[in-house]
Amino acid sequence: MDATAAAGSGRAPAPLRCARAETDSEDAVATTSSHSAAEAEADATEEGNGAPVEDAAADIEGVDGIRIRRRPVTGPPVHYVGPFQFRLENEGNTPRNILEKIVWDKEAEMKEKRPLYMLKGPLEAAPPARDFVGALKAAYDRTGLPALIAEVKKASPSRGVLREDFEPVQIAQTYEKNGAACLSVLTDAKYFQGSYDYLQAICNAGVQCPLLCKEFIVDAWQLYYARSKGADAVLLIAAVLPDLDIKYMLKICKILGMAALVEVHDEREMDRVLGIDGIQLVGINNRNLETFQVDISNTKKLLDGERGQTIAQKGIIVVGESGLFTPEHISFVQNAGVKAVLVGESLIKQEDPGKAIAGLFGKDISPVSAA
């Protein structure tokens, strides 16, 4: 059972063992360590919402606070009337928003994934993971401004193509030259026209900035695949992943040497994440999941009071995401407690994305300027 299946059944996902079946069959698959039904039910009751989840196809909104439904998607049922056929859509089989649609499609993609043992060679050949968190801290200390995670992003579902002359390696290099601490690389092909090939090409081109794989993670297999392509960090979205999956994936990331940026959108998600041990990076996305409107005051709201104090006590780095276009925006989120920002659209749409960094921060933050 993979991480997605385990989440759907309410069971704690078992650690993946990268091992072939004893036969030489081409369809041998990765196995999981044993976990008794009684133990799994106890885990689900203790760490979930107080009751085990029995039906993988059930609507599990509210379990561990996740807001994006996770279910097997077969689409609306087909009805036949004479020679005609049609589908009846209802709330249960229709995505409620774009993020839910992306996640459902991503789960369908996972059915086509390669067996885990086939990643053993690429994982061993991948360069050692770099210190993503350390790079953010060093940049903040050097500039006194939030460290920049600059995004290599061709398109988005809401904005369409952001840059026609899209050369990912060249963009990554100019970001690095102009002061980016780390880079985020979109790898989702269907909705963002991204690619794991972009991630690997940037890694192989000698770019020194640590790389975040910006993907919609729904299965632990994706963590191994991202690392094999050169990722130094991955994105985990709290609206999509139950607490048990986040805990499980954090352990895998640690084994692989990767950092995890755990993204939240509201107070409920922030409270969930702050209750999980081992969190180093929390991203606050200022985009509302229901309306997709952006409000950067969301960052300040989530960092006020006890939450901000808890974050400071735990030494968590907060990353501001979405809606950051001007030096005033950067100053606002920094004053709220942010020490890093993830920025894509406001840079990638400019004629020279690298030089646009100085405009975003109101000053040159490149390493040369500090020398």
Protein backbone atom coordinates (compact mmCIF):
# COMPACT_ATOMS: atom_id res chain seq x y z
CA MET A 1 0.00 0.00 0.00
CA ASP A 2 1.44 3.40 -0.95
CA ALA A 3 1.11 6.61 1.04
CA THR A 4 -2.02 7.69 -0.78
CA ALA A 5 -3.79 4.41 -0.20
CA ALA A 6 -2.77 4.46 3.42
CA ALA A 7 -4.15 7.95 3.85
CA GLY A 8 -7.42 6.94 2.26
CA SER A 9 -7.83 3.98 4.58
CA GLY A 10 -6.97 5.94 7.70
CA ARG A 11 -3.90 3.80 8.34
CA ALA A 12 -0.43 5.09 9.11
CA PRO A 13 1.60 4.64 5.90
CA ALA A 14 4.29 2.00 6.28
CA PRO A 15 7.86 2.90 5.31
CA LEU A 16 8.69 1.99 1.73
CA ARG A 17 11.43 -0.55 1.21
CA CYS A 18 13.15 -0.20 -2.15
CA ALA A 19 13.27 -3.89 -2.99
CA ARG A 20 12.37 -6.05 -5.96
CA ALA A 21 10.06 -8.99 -5.60
CA GLU A 22 11.86 -12.32 -5.44
CA THR A 23 10.88 -13.07 -9.02
CA ASP A 24 12.42 -11.31 -12.00
CA SER A 25 9.02 -10.28 -13.28
CA GLU A 26 8.98 -6.92 -15.05
CA ASP A 27 5.98 -5.85 -13.03
CA ALA A 28 7.64 -6.41 -9.65
CA VAL A 29 6.75 -3.54 -7.33
CA ALA A 30 8.04 -1.86 -4.18
CA THR A 31 6.84 -3.48 -0.98
CA THR A 32 5.84 -2.04 2.36
CA SER A 33 6.71 -3.23 5.81
CA SER A 34 3.92 -5.00 7.70
CA HIS A 35 1.52 -3.07 9.87
CA SER A 36 -1.32 -4.88 11.60
CA ALA A 37 -4.92 -3.80 11.15
CA ALA A 38 -5.24 -3.28 14.89
CA GLU A 39 -2.17 -1.04 15.01
CA ALA A 40 -3.31 0.92 11.99
CA GLU A 41 -6.76 1.45 13.45
CA ALA A 42 -5.25 2.60 16.73
CA ASP A 43 -2.97 5.03 14.89
CA ALA A 44 -5.84 6.43 12.89
CA THR A 45 -7.98 6.88 15.99
CA GLU A 46 -5.22 8.46 18.05
CA GLU A 47 -3.73 10.78 15.44
CA GLY A 48 -6.65 11.38 13.11
CA ASN A 49 -10.03 12.86 13.93
CA GLY A 50 -10.93 10.43 16.73
CA ALA A 51 -12.41 7.66 14.60
CA PRO A 52 -10.89 5.36 11.98
CA VAL A 53 -11.69 6.07 8.36
CA GLU A 54 -13.06 2.88 6.88
CA ASP A 55 -13.97 3.76 3.30
CA ALA A 56 -11.18 4.91 0.99
CA ALA A 57 -13.75 6.43 -1.37
CA ALA A 58 -15.47 8.40 1.37
CA ASP A 59 -15.36 12.18 1.46
CA ILE A 60 -12.64 12.76 4.05
CA GLU A 61 -12.77 16.52 4.27
CA GLY A 62 -12.19 17.31 7.92
CA VAL A 63 -9.99 14.29 8.62
CA ASP A 64 -6.82 15.82 10.07
CA GLY A 65 -8.17 19.15 8.80
CA ILE A 66 -7.47 18.57 5.11
CA ARG A 67 -9.64 20.60 2.78
CA ILE A 68 -8.99 18.91 -0.54
CA ARG A 69 -10.92 15.67 -0.93
CA ARG A 70 -8.78 12.63 -1.70
CA ARG A 71 -10.67 9.88 -3.43
CA PRO A 72 -10.37 7.39 -6.29
CA VAL A 73 -11.64 9.27 -9.32
CA THR A 74 -13.54 7.29 -11.92
CA GLY A 75 -15.61 10.21 -13.16
CA PRO A 76 -19.38 10.49 -13.36
CA PRO A 77 -21.17 7.22 -14.15
CA VAL A 78 -22.18 6.57 -17.75
CA HIS A 79 -25.91 6.27 -18.48
CA TYR A 80 -27.32 4.81 -21.68
CA VAL A 81 -30.59 5.75 -23.37
CA GLY A 82 -30.96 3.88 -26.62
CA PRO A 83 -27.94 4.69 -28.80
CA PHE A 84 -26.98 7.68 -26.66
CA GLN A 85 -24.79 7.87 -23.59
CA PHE A 86 -24.30 10.66 -21.10
CA ARG A 87 -22.72 11.32 -17.71
CA LEU A 88 -24.42 12.80 -14.68
CA GLU A 89 -22.16 14.93 -12.55
CA ASN A 90 -22.80 15.49 -8.87
CA GLU A 91 -20.92 17.02 -5.96
CA GLY A 92 -19.32 13.71 -5.12
CA ASN A 93 -17.60 13.13 -8.45
CA THR A 94 -16.86 16.70 -9.54
CA PRO A 95 -13.84 18.69 -8.28
CA ARG A 96 -14.92 21.71 -6.27
CA ASN A 97 -11.99 23.93 -7.26
CA ILE A 98 -8.86 23.92 -9.39
CA LEU A 99 -6.59 22.62 -6.62
CA GLU A 100 -8.89 19.65 -6.04
CA LYS A 101 -8.94 18.93 -9.78
CA ILE A 102 -5.14 19.07 -9.91
CA VAL A 103 -4.85 16.70 -6.96
CA TRP A 104 -7.34 14.21 -8.41
CA ASP A 105 -5.49 14.21 -11.72
CA LYS A 106 -2.19 13.80 -9.88
CA GLU A 107 -3.54 10.73 -8.09
CA ALA A 108 -4.51 9.31 -11.47
CA GLU A 109 -0.95 9.97 -12.68
CA MET A 110 0.40 7.95 -9.77
CA LYS A 111 -1.25 4.84 -11.17
CA GLU A 112 1.26 5.00 -14.01
CA LYS A 113 4.34 5.45 -11.82
CA ARG A 114 7.33 3.18 -12.16
CA PRO A 115 8.10 0.63 -9.45
CA LEU A 116 10.20 2.14 -6.69
CA TYR A 117 13.10 -0.26 -7.15
CA MET A 118 13.66 1.25 -10.60
CA LEU A 119 14.63 4.54 -8.93
CA LYS A 120 17.50 2.94 -7.01
CA GLY A 121 20.05 3.63 -9.76
CA PRO A 122 18.97 7.24 -10.44
CA LEU A 123 18.93 7.94 -6.70
CA GLU A 124 22.48 6.68 -6.30
CA ALA A 125 23.60 8.70 -9.34
CA ALA A 126 21.99 11.95 -8.16
CA PRO A 127 24.35 14.58 -6.70
CA PRO A 128 24.26 14.93 -2.90
CA ALA A 129 21.39 17.01 -1.58
CA ARG A 130 22.32 20.59 -0.73
CA ASP A 131 21.33 22.49 2.41
CA PHE A 132 18.15 24.31 1.39
CA VAL A 133 17.40 25.66 4.88
CA GLY A 134 21.02 26.72 5.38
CA ALA A 135 20.98 28.66 2.11
CA LEU A 136 17.91 30.61 3.22
CA LYS A 137 19.48 31.45 6.58
CA ALA A 138 22.74 32.56 4.96
CA ALA A 139 20.94 34.84 2.50
CA TYR A 140 18.87 36.43 5.26
CA ASP A 141 21.98 37.05 7.33
CA ARG A 142 23.81 38.51 4.31
CA THR A 143 21.13 40.96 3.15
CA GLY A 144 18.91 41.57 6.17
CA LEU A 145 15.97 40.92 3.83
CA PRO A 146 13.82 37.83 3.31
CA ALA A 147 15.77 35.19 1.40
CA LEU A 148 14.46 34.73 -2.13
CA ILE A 149 13.21 31.43 -3.50
CA ALA A 150 12.85 32.43 -7.16
CA GLU A 151 10.47 30.34 -9.21
CA VAL A 152 11.13 28.85 -12.63
CA LYS A 153 7.56 28.82 -13.89
CA LYS A 154 6.24 28.80 -17.44
CA ALA A 155 2.47 28.86 -16.88
CA SER A 156 -0.35 28.61 -14.38
CA PRO A 157 -3.99 27.47 -14.60
CA SER A 158 -5.30 30.95 -13.78
CA ARG A 159 -2.86 33.09 -15.79
CA GLY A 160 -2.03 30.84 -18.72
CA VAL A 161 1.44 31.05 -20.25
CA LEU A 162 3.54 33.54 -18.29
CA ARG A 163 6.60 33.44 -20.52
CA GLU A 164 6.74 32.33 -24.15
CA ASP A 165 10.55 32.38 -24.46
CA PHE A 166 10.96 29.95 -21.60
CA GLU A 167 14.55 28.73 -21.13
CA PRO A 168 14.63 27.16 -17.65
CA VAL A 169 18.40 26.83 -17.30
CA GLN A 170 19.04 30.39 -18.46
CA ILE A 171 16.34 31.71 -16.11
CA ALA A 172 17.80 29.75 -13.20
CA GLN A 173 21.28 31.09 -13.90
CA THR A 174 20.14 34.71 -14.03
CA TYR A 175 18.15 34.25 -10.81
CA GLU A 176 21.26 32.92 -9.08
CA LYS A 177 23.46 35.71 -10.44
CA ASN A 178 21.05 38.36 -9.14
CA GLY A 179 20.74 37.11 -5.58
CA ALA A 180 18.28 34.22 -5.33
CA ALA A 181 19.11 32.00 -2.35
CA CYS A 182 17.19 29.00 -3.68
CA LEU A 183 15.11 28.13 -6.73
CA SER A 184 11.66 26.62 -7.09
CA VAL A 185 11.05 24.57 -10.23
CA LEU A 186 7.53 23.69 -11.37
CA THR A 187 7.36 20.06 -12.44
CA ASP A 188 3.61 19.61 -13.05
CA ALA A 189 3.11 19.23 -16.80
CA LYS A 190 -0.67 19.35 -17.25
CA TYR A 191 -1.50 22.60 -15.47
CA PHE A 192 1.81 24.48 -15.23
CA GLN A 193 3.66 23.21 -18.32
CA GLY A 194 6.47 22.19 -16.00
CA SER A 195 8.76 19.18 -16.18
CA TYR A 196 11.11 17.10 -14.08
CA ASP A 197 13.47 17.47 -17.03
CA TYR A 198 13.71 21.19 -16.20
CA LEU A 199 14.66 20.34 -12.63
CA GLN A 200 17.31 17.89 -13.74
CA ALA A 201 18.68 20.21 -16.42
CA ILE A 202 19.09 23.06 -13.93
CA CYS A 203 20.81 20.73 -11.49
CA ASN A 204 23.15 19.40 -14.17
CA ALA A 205 23.96 22.91 -15.44
CA GLY A 206 25.96 23.67 -12.32
CA VAL A 207 23.53 26.08 -10.67
CA GLN A 208 24.60 26.24 -7.02
CA CYS A 209 21.27 27.37 -5.56
CA PRO A 210 19.45 24.52 -3.80
CA LEU A 211 16.36 23.42 -5.74
CA LEU A 212 12.78 23.03 -4.54
CA CYS A 213 10.66 20.60 -6.53
CA LYS A 214 7.33 22.45 -6.84
CA GLU A 215 4.92 19.57 -7.29
CA PHE A 216 1.58 18.44 -5.93
CA ILE A 217 2.78 15.62 -3.70
CA VAL A 218 0.15 12.96 -3.01
CA ASP A 219 2.35 9.86 -2.85
CA ALA A 220 5.67 9.07 -1.17
CA TRP A 221 6.98 7.78 -4.51
CA GLN A 222 7.15 11.40 -5.70
CA LEU A 223 9.70 12.21 -2.99
CA TYR A 224 12.12 9.57 -4.25
CA TYR A 225 11.56 10.64 -7.85
CA ALA A 226 12.18 14.31 -7.06
CA ARG A 227 15.46 13.46 -5.28
CA SER A 228 16.54 11.33 -8.25
CA LYS A 229 16.08 14.40 -10.47
CA GLY A 230 18.21 16.64 -8.26
CA ALA A 231 15.70 18.15 -5.83
CA ASP A 232 17.05 19.43 -2.52
CA ALA A 233 13.59 20.21 -1.12
CA VAL A 234 9.94 19.44 -1.85
CA LEU A 235 6.60 21.13 -1.25
CA LEU A 236 4.02 19.47 1.02
CA ILE A 237 0.56 21.09 1.00
CA ALA A 238 -1.33 20.81 4.30
CA ALA A 239 -4.69 21.29 2.55
CA VAL A 240 -4.00 18.09 0.61
CA LEU A 241 -2.13 15.84 3.05
CA PRO A 242 -3.41 14.45 6.38
CA ASP A 243 -1.13 14.81 9.39
CA LEU A 244 -0.04 11.18 9.20
CA ASP A 245 1.11 11.60 5.61
CA ILE A 246 3.01 14.79 6.45
CA LYS A 247 4.79 13.04 9.34
CA TYR A 248 5.60 10.05 7.16
CA MET A 249 6.89 12.18 4.29
CA LEU A 250 9.01 14.30 6.62
CA LYS A 251 10.77 11.11 7.71
CA ILE A 252 11.43 10.11 4.11
CA CYS A 253 12.73 13.59 3.29
CA LYS A 254 15.14 13.36 6.21
CA ILE A 255 16.42 10.00 5.01
CA LEU A 256 16.92 11.42 1.51
CA GLY A 257 18.60 14.58 2.83
CA MET A 258 15.88 16.88 1.51
CA ALA A 259 14.08 19.74 3.22
CA ALA A 260 10.28 20.02 3.19
CA LEU A 261 8.40 23.28 2.77
CA VAL A 262 5.00 22.68 4.38
CA GLU A 263 2.43 25.05 2.94
CA VAL A 264 -0.58 26.41 4.85
CA HIS A 265 -3.42 28.73 3.87
CA ASP A 266 -5.29 29.47 7.09
CA GLU A 267 -5.26 29.28 10.88
CA ARG A 268 -6.53 25.71 11.03
CA GLU A 269 -3.78 24.43 8.77
CA MET A 270 -1.16 26.45 10.64
CA ASP A 271 -2.27 24.96 13.96
CA ARG A 272 -2.08 21.46 12.52
CA VAL A 273 1.41 21.98 11.17
CA LEU A 274 2.72 23.57 14.36
CA GLY A 275 1.64 20.41 16.17
CA ILE A 276 3.93 18.25 14.03
CA ASP A 277 7.51 17.65 15.13
CA GLY A 278 10.40 18.19 12.75
CA ILE A 279 8.98 21.12 10.77
CA GLN A 280 11.73 23.50 9.61
CA LEU A 281 9.95 25.51 6.91
CA VAL A 282 6.36 26.74 6.80
CA GLY A 283 5.06 28.51 3.73
CA ILE A 284 2.08 30.83 4.10
CA ASN A 285 0.17 30.99 0.83
CA ASN A 286 -1.81 34.20 0.58
CA ARG A 287 -4.15 32.76 -2.05
CA ASN A 288 -7.60 31.73 -0.82
CA LEU A 289 -8.36 28.14 -1.81
CA GLU A 290 -12.04 28.80 -2.46
CA THR A 291 -11.96 32.18 -4.22
CA PHE A 292 -8.33 32.16 -5.39
CA GLN A 293 -8.15 35.82 -4.42
CA VAL A 294 -4.82 36.98 -2.99
CA ASP A 295 -4.52 38.93 0.27
CA ILE A 296 -1.03 39.39 1.73
CA SER A 297 -2.52 40.39 5.08
CA ASN A 298 -3.14 36.66 5.49
CA THR A 299 0.55 36.32 6.38
CA LYS A 300 0.27 38.78 9.25
CA LYS A 301 -2.94 37.18 10.48
CA LEU A 302 -1.33 33.73 10.70
CA LEU A 303 1.76 35.03 12.49
CA ASP A 304 0.04 37.16 15.12
CA GLY A 305 -0.04 36.17 18.78
CA GLU A 306 0.75 32.70 20.06
CA ARG A 307 1.35 31.20 16.62
CA GLY A 308 4.16 33.64 15.95
CA GLN A 309 5.64 32.94 19.37
CA THR A 310 5.51 29.18 18.79
CA ILE A 311 7.21 29.58 15.42
CA ALA A 312 9.98 31.66 16.98
CA GLN A 313 10.46 29.17 19.83
CA LYS A 314 10.74 26.26 17.38
CA GLY A 315 13.13 28.14 15.09
CA ILE A 316 10.87 27.63 12.08
CA ILE A 317 11.57 29.73 8.99
CA VAL A 318 8.38 31.20 7.53
CA VAL A 319 8.18 31.62 3.76
CA GLY A 320 5.76 34.16 2.29
CA GLU A 321 4.00 33.02 -0.89
CA SER A 322 1.72 34.70 -3.48
CA GLY A 323 0.89 38.34 -4.07
CA LEU A 324 4.41 39.72 -3.66
CA PHE A 325 5.18 42.27 -6.37
CA THR A 326 6.78 45.35 -4.77
CA PRO A 327 9.34 46.35 -2.12
CA GLU A 328 6.38 47.42 0.03
CA HIS A 329 4.97 43.90 -0.14
CA ILE A 330 8.32 42.44 0.88
CA SER A 331 8.60 44.90 3.77
CA PHE A 332 5.07 44.09 4.94
CA VAL A 333 5.60 40.33 5.17
CA GLN A 334 9.06 40.79 6.70
CA ASN A 335 7.60 42.94 9.46
CA ALA A 336 5.02 40.20 10.01
CA GLY A 337 7.79 37.68 10.70
CA VAL A 338 8.68 36.21 7.31
CA LYS A 339 12.36 35.38 6.67
CA ALA A 340 12.02 34.06 3.12
CA VAL A 341 9.72 34.62 0.15
CA LEU A 342 8.79 32.42 -2.79
CA VAL A 343 8.17 34.56 -5.87
CA GLY A 344 7.34 33.49 -9.41
CA GLU A 345 4.95 35.54 -11.50
CA SER A 346 6.25 39.00 -10.63
CA LEU A 347 9.73 37.95 -11.82
CA ILE A 348 9.12 35.54 -14.67
CA LYS A 349 6.90 37.96 -16.61
CA GLN A 350 9.61 40.62 -16.75
CA GLU A 351 11.90 40.97 -19.76
CA ASP A 352 14.90 40.12 -17.58
CA PRO A 353 13.68 38.02 -14.63
CA GLY A 354 17.05 38.25 -12.90
CA LYS A 355 17.26 42.02 -12.96
CA ALA A 356 13.64 42.18 -11.80
CA ILE A 357 14.84 40.88 -8.42
CA ALA A 358 16.35 44.28 -7.57
CA GLY A 359 13.04 45.91 -8.41
CA LEU A 360 11.17 43.50 -6.16
CA PHE A 361 13.41 44.20 -3.17
CA GLY A 362 14.11 47.85 -3.91
CA LYS A 363 17.85 47.21 -4.01
CA ASP A 364 20.48 44.96 -5.54
CA ILE A 365 20.73 41.81 -3.42
CA SER A 366 23.22 39.96 -5.60
CA PRO A 367 26.32 38.51 -3.91
CA VAL A 368 28.50 40.85 -5.99
CA SER A 369 26.79 43.92 -4.53
CA ALA A 370 27.61 42.71 -1.01
CA ALA A 371 31.26 42.00 -1.81
